[in-house]
Amino acid sequence: MAAVRPDRGISGPPREGQGGVVRHLGADDRSSTRVRLVDGALRCLARQGIAKTTVDDIARAAGLSRATVYRTFPRGKDGILAAVVETEVARLFSALAVAMGEATDLEDLLVAGMVESARRLSSHEALGYLLFHEPGAVLPYLTFSQLDAVLLAAGDLAAPFFGRWLEPEQASRAAEWAVRIVMAYCANPAPGTNLTDPDDTRVLVRTFVLPGILALRVESERSTSTCSITQPSKGAAP
């Protein structure tokens, strides 16, 4: 299938002045002890969930003592779980930064970001266990005001990448659309569309997402044109 190229500013090289180099977010200055405990907790969560996991379980899974756990996380289990969320979000964002940073046009950016997100979310064993066995621990973050916070964080990450081809306001809206699409398809997979498959995702992007972004740009250009027409010239009489 031939690529749909709705606008050179969308499919061509990045907009000048936006900076073609995207900073990699993968640097991790966390201590090895902290990482071991987070990874140990993830193994426990994937096996038995939050309710049944104890500090002793996490210590054993990490190969560390109970005393070491509390030295690293004085709040115990609650502190470890907070670190798990923080670390996994950072890992996801780092992977997305690499994938999206390599895109050469907006279509590739959308495909790369959506595929990487879908693959990581759908293959995350701990998240999968919790969604199936303890949905109450996860769903509050995906509904109502908590969802707004998730979308804001994800949009803040993605917007600078979209900003290589779009104006700031358009970039933020396009980033939010992409995040909503990924979350919707991961929560309720649609027959015939698999976001972990680049070909399926590219069809979705070309058919629905890029035309929407193009319409957004046309709307913005019309608004700007209308303002310039109605704005009186400097020498015009009041």
C-alpha atoms as a PDB file:
ATOM      1  CA  MET A   1       0.000   0.000   0.000  1.00  0.00           C
ATOM      2  CA  ALA A   2       1.365   3.411  -0.905  1.00  0.00           C
ATOM      3  CA  ALA A   3       1.971   5.793   1.964  1.00  0.00           C
ATOM      4  CA  VAL A   4      -0.595   8.514   2.473  1.00  0.00           C
ATOM      5  CA  ARG A   5       1.192  11.854   2.507  1.00  0.00           C
ATOM      6  CA  PRO A   6      -1.446  14.423   3.498  1.00  0.00           C
ATOM      7  CA  ASP A   7       0.998  17.265   4.008  1.00  0.00           C
ATOM      8  CA  ARG A   8       4.695  17.749   3.474  1.00  0.00           C
ATOM      9  CA  GLY A   9       4.987  19.283   6.922  1.00  0.00           C
ATOM     10  CA  ILE A  10       3.557  16.072   8.346  1.00  0.00           C
ATOM     11  CA  SER A  11       5.357  13.466   6.258  1.00  0.00           C
ATOM     12  CA  GLY A  12       8.540  15.328   5.387  1.00  0.00           C
ATOM     13  CA  PRO A  13      11.536  16.333   7.438  1.00  0.00           C
ATOM     14  CA  PRO A  14      11.135  17.859  10.910  1.00  0.00           C
ATOM     15  CA  ARG A  15      10.114  21.481  11.170  1.00  0.00           C
ATOM     16  CA  GLU A  16      13.076  23.801  11.339  1.00  0.00           C
ATOM     17  CA  GLY A  17      13.801  25.246  14.721  1.00  0.00           C
ATOM     18  CA  GLN A  18      12.262  22.287  16.564  1.00  0.00           C
ATOM     19  CA  GLY A  19      15.525  20.404  17.000  1.00  0.00           C
ATOM     20  CA  GLY A  20      15.989  17.154  15.166  1.00  0.00           C
ATOM     21  CA  VAL A  21      17.841  15.467  18.030  1.00  0.00           C
ATOM     22  CA  VAL A  22      15.647  14.096  20.795  1.00  0.00           C
ATOM     23  CA  ARG A  23      17.197  13.532  24.184  1.00  0.00           C
ATOM     24  CA  HIS A  24      17.315   9.898  25.283  1.00  0.00           C
ATOM     25  CA  LEU A  25      15.494   9.377  28.571  1.00  0.00           C
ATOM     26  CA  GLY A  26      17.064   6.064  29.442  1.00  0.00           C
ATOM     27  CA  ALA A  27      19.625   7.210  32.014  1.00  0.00           C
ATOM     28  CA  ASP A  28      18.973   5.426  35.312  1.00  0.00           C
ATOM     29  CA  ASP A  29      20.814   6.594  38.429  1.00  0.00           C
ATOM     30  CA  ARG A  30      18.929   4.317  40.811  1.00  0.00           C
ATOM     31  CA  SER A  31      20.989   2.069  43.044  1.00  0.00           C
ATOM     32  CA  SER A  32      21.299  -1.600  42.161  1.00  0.00           C
ATOM     33  CA  THR A  33      19.590  -2.499  45.457  1.00  0.00           C
ATOM     34  CA  ARG A  34      16.556  -0.422  44.580  1.00  0.00           C
ATOM     35  CA  VAL A  35      16.348  -1.937  41.107  1.00  0.00           C
ATOM     36  CA  ARG A  36      16.685  -5.468  42.501  1.00  0.00           C
ATOM     37  CA  LEU A  37      13.832  -4.846  44.906  1.00  0.00           C
ATOM     38  CA  VAL A  38      11.628  -3.336  42.196  1.00  0.00           C
ATOM     39  CA  ASP A  39      12.305  -6.264  39.881  1.00  0.00           C
ATOM     40  CA  GLY A  40      11.725  -8.717  42.725  1.00  0.00           C
ATOM     41  CA  ALA A  41       8.413  -7.045  43.467  1.00  0.00           C
ATOM     42  CA  LEU A  42       7.435  -7.265  39.799  1.00  0.00           C
ATOM     43  CA  ARG A  43       8.057 -11.018  39.819  1.00  0.00           C
ATOM     44  CA  CYS A  44       5.903 -11.371  42.927  1.00  0.00           C
ATOM     45  CA  LEU A  45       3.106  -9.256  41.481  1.00  0.00           C
ATOM     46  CA  ALA A  46       3.109 -11.270  38.258  1.00  0.00           C
ATOM     47  CA  ARG A  47       2.797 -14.480  40.290  1.00  0.00           C
ATOM     48  CA  GLN A  48       0.415 -13.592  43.117  1.00  0.00           C
ATOM     49  CA  GLY A  49      -0.676  -9.965  42.920  1.00  0.00           C
ATOM     50  CA  ILE A  50      -0.562  -7.179  45.474  1.00  0.00           C
ATOM     51  CA  ALA A  51      -2.735  -8.547  48.261  1.00  0.00           C
ATOM     52  CA  LYS A  52      -0.760 -11.766  48.748  1.00  0.00           C
ATOM     53  CA  THR A  53       2.700 -10.264  48.311  1.00  0.00           C
ATOM     54  CA  THR A  54       4.596  -9.480  51.510  1.00  0.00           C
ATOM     55  CA  VAL A  55       7.848  -7.663  52.211  1.00  0.00           C
ATOM     56  CA  ASP A  56       9.458 -11.038  52.930  1.00  0.00           C
ATOM     57  CA  ASP A  57       8.330 -12.320  49.516  1.00  0.00           C
ATOM     58  CA  ILE A  58       9.920  -9.334  47.810  1.00  0.00           C
ATOM     59  CA  ALA A  59      13.136  -9.698  49.797  1.00  0.00           C
ATOM     60  CA  ARG A  60      13.425 -13.361  48.832  1.00  0.00           C
ATOM     61  CA  ALA A  61      12.676 -12.641  45.179  1.00  0.00           C
ATOM     62  CA  ALA A  62      15.380  -9.960  45.178  1.00  0.00           C
ATOM     63  CA  GLY A  63      17.891 -12.105  47.072  1.00  0.00           C
ATOM     64  CA  LEU A  64      18.150  -9.510  49.856  1.00  0.00           C
ATOM     65  CA  SER A  65      17.431  -9.382  53.566  1.00  0.00           C
ATOM     66  CA  ARG A  66      14.333  -7.927  55.197  1.00  0.00           C
ATOM     67  CA  ALA A  67      16.554  -5.355  56.926  1.00  0.00           C
ATOM     68  CA  THR A  68      17.926  -4.233  53.547  1.00  0.00           C
ATOM     69  CA  VAL A  69      14.387  -3.778  52.260  1.00  0.00           C
ATOM     70  CA  TYR A  70      13.497  -1.404  55.095  1.00  0.00           C
ATOM     71  CA  ARG A  71      16.786   0.473  54.827  1.00  0.00           C
ATOM     72  CA  THR A  72      16.017   1.102  51.155  1.00  0.00           C
ATOM     73  CA  PHE A  73      12.263   1.613  51.556  1.00  0.00           C
ATOM     74  CA  PRO A  74      11.379   2.728  55.112  1.00  0.00           C
ATOM     75  CA  ARG A  75       7.662   2.636  54.184  1.00  0.00           C
ATOM     76  CA  GLY A  76       7.966  -1.052  53.408  1.00  0.00           C
ATOM     77  CA  LYS A  77       5.547  -2.547  50.892  1.00  0.00           C
ATOM     78  CA  ASP A  78       3.839   0.757  50.096  1.00  0.00           C
ATOM     79  CA  GLY A  79       7.185   2.368  49.324  1.00  0.00           C
ATOM     80  CA  ILE A  80       8.219  -0.529  47.095  1.00  0.00           C
ATOM     81  CA  LEU A  81       4.949  -0.444  45.159  1.00  0.00           C
ATOM     82  CA  ALA A  82       5.322   3.296  44.588  1.00  0.00           C
ATOM     83  CA  ALA A  83       8.859   2.671  43.295  1.00  0.00           C
ATOM     84  CA  VAL A  84       7.550  -0.088  41.003  1.00  0.00           C
ATOM     85  CA  VAL A  85       5.104   2.323  39.362  1.00  0.00           C
ATOM     86  CA  GLU A  86       7.734   5.058  39.061  1.00  0.00           C
ATOM     87  CA  THR A  87      10.330   2.699  37.608  1.00  0.00           C
ATOM     88  CA  GLU A  88       8.021   1.018  35.120  1.00  0.00           C
ATOM     89  CA  VAL A  89       6.718   4.355  33.862  1.00  0.00           C
ATOM     90  CA  ALA A  90      10.315   5.563  33.446  1.00  0.00           C
ATOM     91  CA  ARG A  91      11.215   2.367  31.572  1.00  0.00           C
ATOM     92  CA  LEU A  92       8.221   2.741  29.268  1.00  0.00           C
ATOM     93  CA  PHE A  93       8.983   6.378  28.564  1.00  0.00           C
ATOM     94  CA  SER A  94      12.635   5.582  27.907  1.00  0.00           C
ATOM     95  CA  ALA A  95      11.709   2.886  25.381  1.00  0.00           C
ATOM     96  CA  LEU A  96       9.238   5.226  23.709  1.00  0.00           C
ATOM     97  CA  ALA A  97      11.839   7.977  23.498  1.00  0.00           C
ATOM     98  CA  VAL A  98      14.177   5.644  21.626  1.00  0.00           C
ATOM     99  CA  ALA A  99      11.459   4.375  19.273  1.00  0.00           C
ATOM    100  CA  MET A 100       9.964   7.771  18.493  1.00  0.00           C
ATOM    101  CA  GLY A 101      13.295   9.538  18.335  1.00  0.00           C
ATOM    102  CA  GLU A 102      14.256   7.435  15.315  1.00  0.00           C
ATOM    103  CA  ALA A 103      11.151   8.414  13.301  1.00  0.00           C
ATOM    104  CA  THR A 104      11.732  10.384  10.112  1.00  0.00           C
ATOM    105  CA  ASP A 105       8.138  11.524   9.547  1.00  0.00           C
ATOM    106  CA  LEU A 106       4.912  11.872  11.509  1.00  0.00           C
ATOM    107  CA  GLU A 107       3.433   8.621  10.232  1.00  0.00           C
ATOM    108  CA  ASP A 108       6.465   6.655  11.394  1.00  0.00           C
ATOM    109  CA  LEU A 109       6.391   8.508  14.711  1.00  0.00           C
ATOM    110  CA  LEU A 110       2.790   7.503  15.355  1.00  0.00           C
ATOM    111  CA  VAL A 111       3.360   3.900  14.323  1.00  0.00           C
ATOM    112  CA  ALA A 112       6.551   3.535  16.358  1.00  0.00           C
ATOM    113  CA  GLY A 113       5.060   5.060  19.505  1.00  0.00           C
ATOM    114  CA  MET A 114       1.792   3.139  19.343  1.00  0.00           C
ATOM    115  CA  VAL A 115       3.419  -0.219  18.560  1.00  0.00           C
ATOM    116  CA  GLU A 116       6.029   0.137  21.302  1.00  0.00           C
ATOM    117  CA  SER A 117       3.388   1.140  23.849  1.00  0.00           C
ATOM    118  CA  ALA A 118       1.031  -1.683  22.893  1.00  0.00           C
ATOM    119  CA  ARG A 119       3.781  -4.295  22.962  1.00  0.00           C
ATOM    120  CA  ARG A 120       5.036  -3.292  26.367  1.00  0.00           C
ATOM    121  CA  LEU A 121       1.604  -2.962  27.941  1.00  0.00           C
ATOM    122  CA  SER A 122       0.250  -6.212  26.512  1.00  0.00           C
ATOM    123  CA  SER A 123       3.335  -8.224  27.499  1.00  0.00           C
ATOM    124  CA  HIS A 124       3.702  -6.786  31.016  1.00  0.00           C
ATOM    125  CA  GLU A 125       3.137  -9.837  33.218  1.00  0.00           C
ATOM    126  CA  ALA A 126       2.533  -7.982  36.492  1.00  0.00           C
ATOM    127  CA  LEU A 127       0.091  -5.551  34.895  1.00  0.00           C
ATOM    128  CA  GLY A 128      -1.713  -8.415  33.164  1.00  0.00           C
ATOM    129  CA  TYR A 129      -2.109 -10.332  36.439  1.00  0.00           C
ATOM    130  CA  LEU A 130      -3.444  -7.290  38.264  1.00  0.00           C
ATOM    131  CA  LEU A 131      -5.928  -6.402  35.517  1.00  0.00           C
ATOM    132  CA  PHE A 132      -7.312  -9.947  35.613  1.00  0.00           C
ATOM    133  CA  HIS A 133      -7.187 -10.742  39.354  1.00  0.00           C
ATOM    134  CA  GLU A 134      -7.100  -7.349  41.101  1.00  0.00           C
ATOM    135  CA  PRO A 135      -8.556  -4.791  38.666  1.00  0.00           C
ATOM    136  CA  GLY A 136      -9.397  -2.454  41.537  1.00  0.00           C
ATOM    137  CA  ALA A 137      -5.683  -1.805  41.998  1.00  0.00           C
ATOM    138  CA  VAL A 138      -5.278  -0.569  38.410  1.00  0.00           C
ATOM    139  CA  LEU A 139      -8.588   0.680  37.035  1.00  0.00           C
ATOM    140  CA  PRO A 140      -8.815   3.779  39.276  1.00  0.00           C
ATOM    141  CA  TYR A 141      -5.797   5.116  37.365  1.00  0.00           C
ATOM    142  CA  LEU A 142      -7.589   4.589  34.040  1.00  0.00           C
ATOM    143  CA  THR A 143     -10.858   6.351  34.817  1.00  0.00           C
ATOM    144  CA  PHE A 144     -12.103   9.862  35.552  1.00  0.00           C
ATOM    145  CA  SER A 145      -9.633  12.319  37.137  1.00  0.00           C
ATOM    146  CA  GLN A 146      -6.865   9.722  37.457  1.00  0.00           C
ATOM    147  CA  LEU A 147      -7.085   9.103  33.715  1.00  0.00           C
ATOM    148  CA  ASP A 148      -6.589  12.806  33.114  1.00  0.00           C
ATOM    149  CA  ALA A 149      -3.321  12.630  35.055  1.00  0.00           C
ATOM    150  CA  VAL A 150      -2.173   9.619  33.032  1.00  0.00           C
ATOM    151  CA  LEU A 151      -3.028  11.343  29.744  1.00  0.00           C
ATOM    152  CA  LEU A 152      -1.286  14.531  30.849  1.00  0.00           C
ATOM    153  CA  ALA A 153       1.912  12.685  31.762  1.00  0.00           C
ATOM    154  CA  ALA A 154       1.912  10.637  28.562  1.00  0.00           C
ATOM    155  CA  GLY A 155       1.047  13.675  26.468  1.00  0.00           C
ATOM    156  CA  ASP A 156       3.855  15.691  28.041  1.00  0.00           C
ATOM    157  CA  LEU A 157       6.295  12.965  27.037  1.00  0.00           C
ATOM    158  CA  ALA A 158       5.042  12.584  23.480  1.00  0.00           C
ATOM    159  CA  ALA A 159       4.326  16.211  22.586  1.00  0.00           C
ATOM    160  CA  PRO A 160       7.973  17.233  22.007  1.00  0.00           C
ATOM    161  CA  PHE A 161       8.348  14.414  19.484  1.00  0.00           C
ATOM    162  CA  PHE A 162       5.186  15.515  17.659  1.00  0.00           C
ATOM    163  CA  GLY A 163       6.481  19.073  17.883  1.00  0.00           C
ATOM    164  CA  ARG A 164       9.118  18.215  15.279  1.00  0.00           C
ATOM    165  CA  TRP A 165       6.321  18.432  12.687  1.00  0.00           C
ATOM    166  CA  LEU A 166       3.438  20.240  14.401  1.00  0.00           C
ATOM    167  CA  GLU A 167       2.786  23.483  16.195  1.00  0.00           C
ATOM    168  CA  PRO A 168       2.780  23.165  20.021  1.00  0.00           C
ATOM    169  CA  GLU A 169      -0.998  23.085  20.508  1.00  0.00           C
ATOM    170  CA  GLN A 170      -1.453  20.631  17.639  1.00  0.00           C
ATOM    171  CA  ALA A 171       1.359  18.476  18.996  1.00  0.00           C
ATOM    172  CA  SER A 172      -0.263  18.217  22.425  1.00  0.00           C
ATOM    173  CA  ARG A 173      -3.651  17.283  20.973  1.00  0.00           C
ATOM    174  CA  ALA A 174      -2.167  14.743  18.561  1.00  0.00           C
ATOM    175  CA  ALA A 175      -0.148  13.174  21.367  1.00  0.00           C
ATOM    176  CA  GLU A 176      -3.260  12.857  23.539  1.00  0.00           C
ATOM    177  CA  TRP A 177      -5.199  11.241  20.665  1.00  0.00           C
ATOM    178  CA  ALA A 178      -2.460   8.668  20.183  1.00  0.00           C
ATOM    179  CA  VAL A 179      -2.391   7.829  23.898  1.00  0.00           C
ATOM    180  CA  ARG A 180      -6.178   7.456  24.032  1.00  0.00           C
ATOM    181  CA  ILE A 181      -6.133   5.143  21.010  1.00  0.00           C
ATOM    182  CA  VAL A 182      -3.479   2.882  22.534  1.00  0.00           C
ATOM    183  CA  MET A 183      -5.287   2.680  25.873  1.00  0.00           C
ATOM    184  CA  ALA A 184      -8.630   1.964  24.212  1.00  0.00           C
ATOM    185  CA  TYR A 185      -7.302  -0.798  21.960  1.00  0.00           C
ATOM    186  CA  CYS A 186      -5.253  -2.402  24.747  1.00  0.00           C
ATOM    187  CA  ALA A 187      -8.259  -2.406  27.080  1.00  0.00           C
ATOM    188  CA  ASN A 188     -10.684  -3.641  24.399  1.00  0.00           C
ATOM    189  CA  PRO A 189      -8.862  -5.224  21.431  1.00  0.00           C
ATOM    190  CA  ALA A 190     -10.735  -4.888  18.143  1.00  0.00           C
ATOM    191  CA  PRO A 191     -10.963  -7.787  15.664  1.00  0.00           C
ATOM    192  CA  GLY A 192      -8.637  -7.251  12.746  1.00  0.00           C
ATOM    193  CA  THR A 193      -6.535  -4.576  14.451  1.00  0.00           C
ATOM    194  CA  ASN A 194      -3.509  -5.539  16.493  1.00  0.00           C
ATOM    195  CA  LEU A 195      -1.520  -2.538  17.696  1.00  0.00           C
ATOM    196  CA  THR A 196       1.499  -4.720  18.411  1.00  0.00           C
ATOM    197  CA  ASP A 197       1.706  -5.351  14.656  1.00  0.00           C
ATOM    198  CA  PRO A 198       3.355  -2.465  12.738  1.00  0.00           C
ATOM    199  CA  ASP A 199       1.380  -3.201   9.552  1.00  0.00           C
ATOM    200  CA  ASP A 200      -1.986  -3.177  11.334  1.00  0.00           C
ATOM    201  CA  THR A 201      -1.043  -0.025  13.195  1.00  0.00           C
ATOM    202  CA  ARG A 202       0.114   1.729  10.035  1.00  0.00           C
ATOM    203  CA  VAL A 203      -3.247   1.050   8.368  1.00  0.00           C
ATOM    204  CA  LEU A 204      -5.032   2.510  11.399  1.00  0.00           C
ATOM    205  CA  VAL A 205      -2.769   5.560  11.420  1.00  0.00           C
ATOM    206  CA  ARG A 206      -3.161   6.229   7.669  1.00  0.00           C
ATOM    207  CA  THR A 207      -6.903   5.684   7.673  1.00  0.00           C
ATOM    208  CA  PHE A 208      -7.982   7.559  10.784  1.00  0.00           C
ATOM    209  CA  VAL A 209      -5.213   9.292  12.709  1.00  0.00           C
ATOM    210  CA  LEU A 210      -3.314  11.244  10.054  1.00  0.00           C
ATOM    211  CA  PRO A 211      -6.498  12.588   8.411  1.00  0.00           C
ATOM    212  CA  GLY A 212      -7.586  13.838  11.828  1.00  0.00           C
ATOM    213  CA  ILE A 213      -4.282  15.602  12.361  1.00  0.00           C
ATOM    214  CA  LEU A 214      -4.487  17.131   8.888  1.00  0.00           C
ATOM    215  CA  ALA A 215      -7.994  18.396   9.676  1.00  0.00           C
ATOM    216  CA  LEU A 216      -6.632  19.886  12.872  1.00  0.00           C
ATOM    217  CA  ARG A 217      -3.976  21.768  10.914  1.00  0.00           C
ATOM    218  CA  VAL A 218      -6.485  23.017   8.343  1.00  0.00           C
ATOM    219  CA  GLU A 219      -8.743  24.256  11.142  1.00  0.00           C
ATOM    220  CA  SER A 220      -5.825  26.092  12.728  1.00  0.00           C
ATOM    221  CA  GLU A 221      -4.791  27.662   9.408  1.00  0.00           C
ATOM    222  CA  ARG A 222      -8.355  28.820   8.725  1.00  0.00           C
ATOM    223  CA  SER A 223      -8.564  30.351  12.176  1.00  0.00           C
ATOM    224  CA  THR A 224      -5.300  32.185  11.660  1.00  0.00           C
ATOM    225  CA  SER A 225      -6.415  33.385   8.226  1.00  0.00           C
ATOM    226  CA  THR A 226      -9.731  34.675   9.607  1.00  0.00           C
ATOM    227  CA  CYS A 227      -7.962  36.569  12.373  1.00  0.00           C
ATOM    228  CA  SER A 228      -5.601  38.217   9.901  1.00  0.00           C
ATOM    229  CA  ILE A 229      -8.513  39.272   7.670  1.00  0.00           C
ATOM    230  CA  THR A 230     -10.585  40.768  10.480  1.00  0.00           C
ATOM    231  CA  GLN A 231      -7.635  42.461  12.170  1.00  0.00           C
ATOM    232  CA  PRO A 232      -7.525  46.149  11.072  1.00  0.00           C
ATOM    233  CA  SER A 233      -4.317  47.402   9.552  1.00  0.00           C
ATOM    234  CA  LYS A 234      -2.113  49.755  11.564  1.00  0.00           C
ATOM    235  CA  GLY A 235      -3.019  52.726   9.380  1.00  0.00           C
ATOM    236  CA  ALA A 236      -6.743  52.051   9.298  1.00  0.00           C
ATOM    237  CA  ALA A 237      -9.113  54.493  10.954  1.00  0.00           C
ATOM    238  CA  PRO A 238     -10.895  53.180  14.040  1.00  0.00           C
END
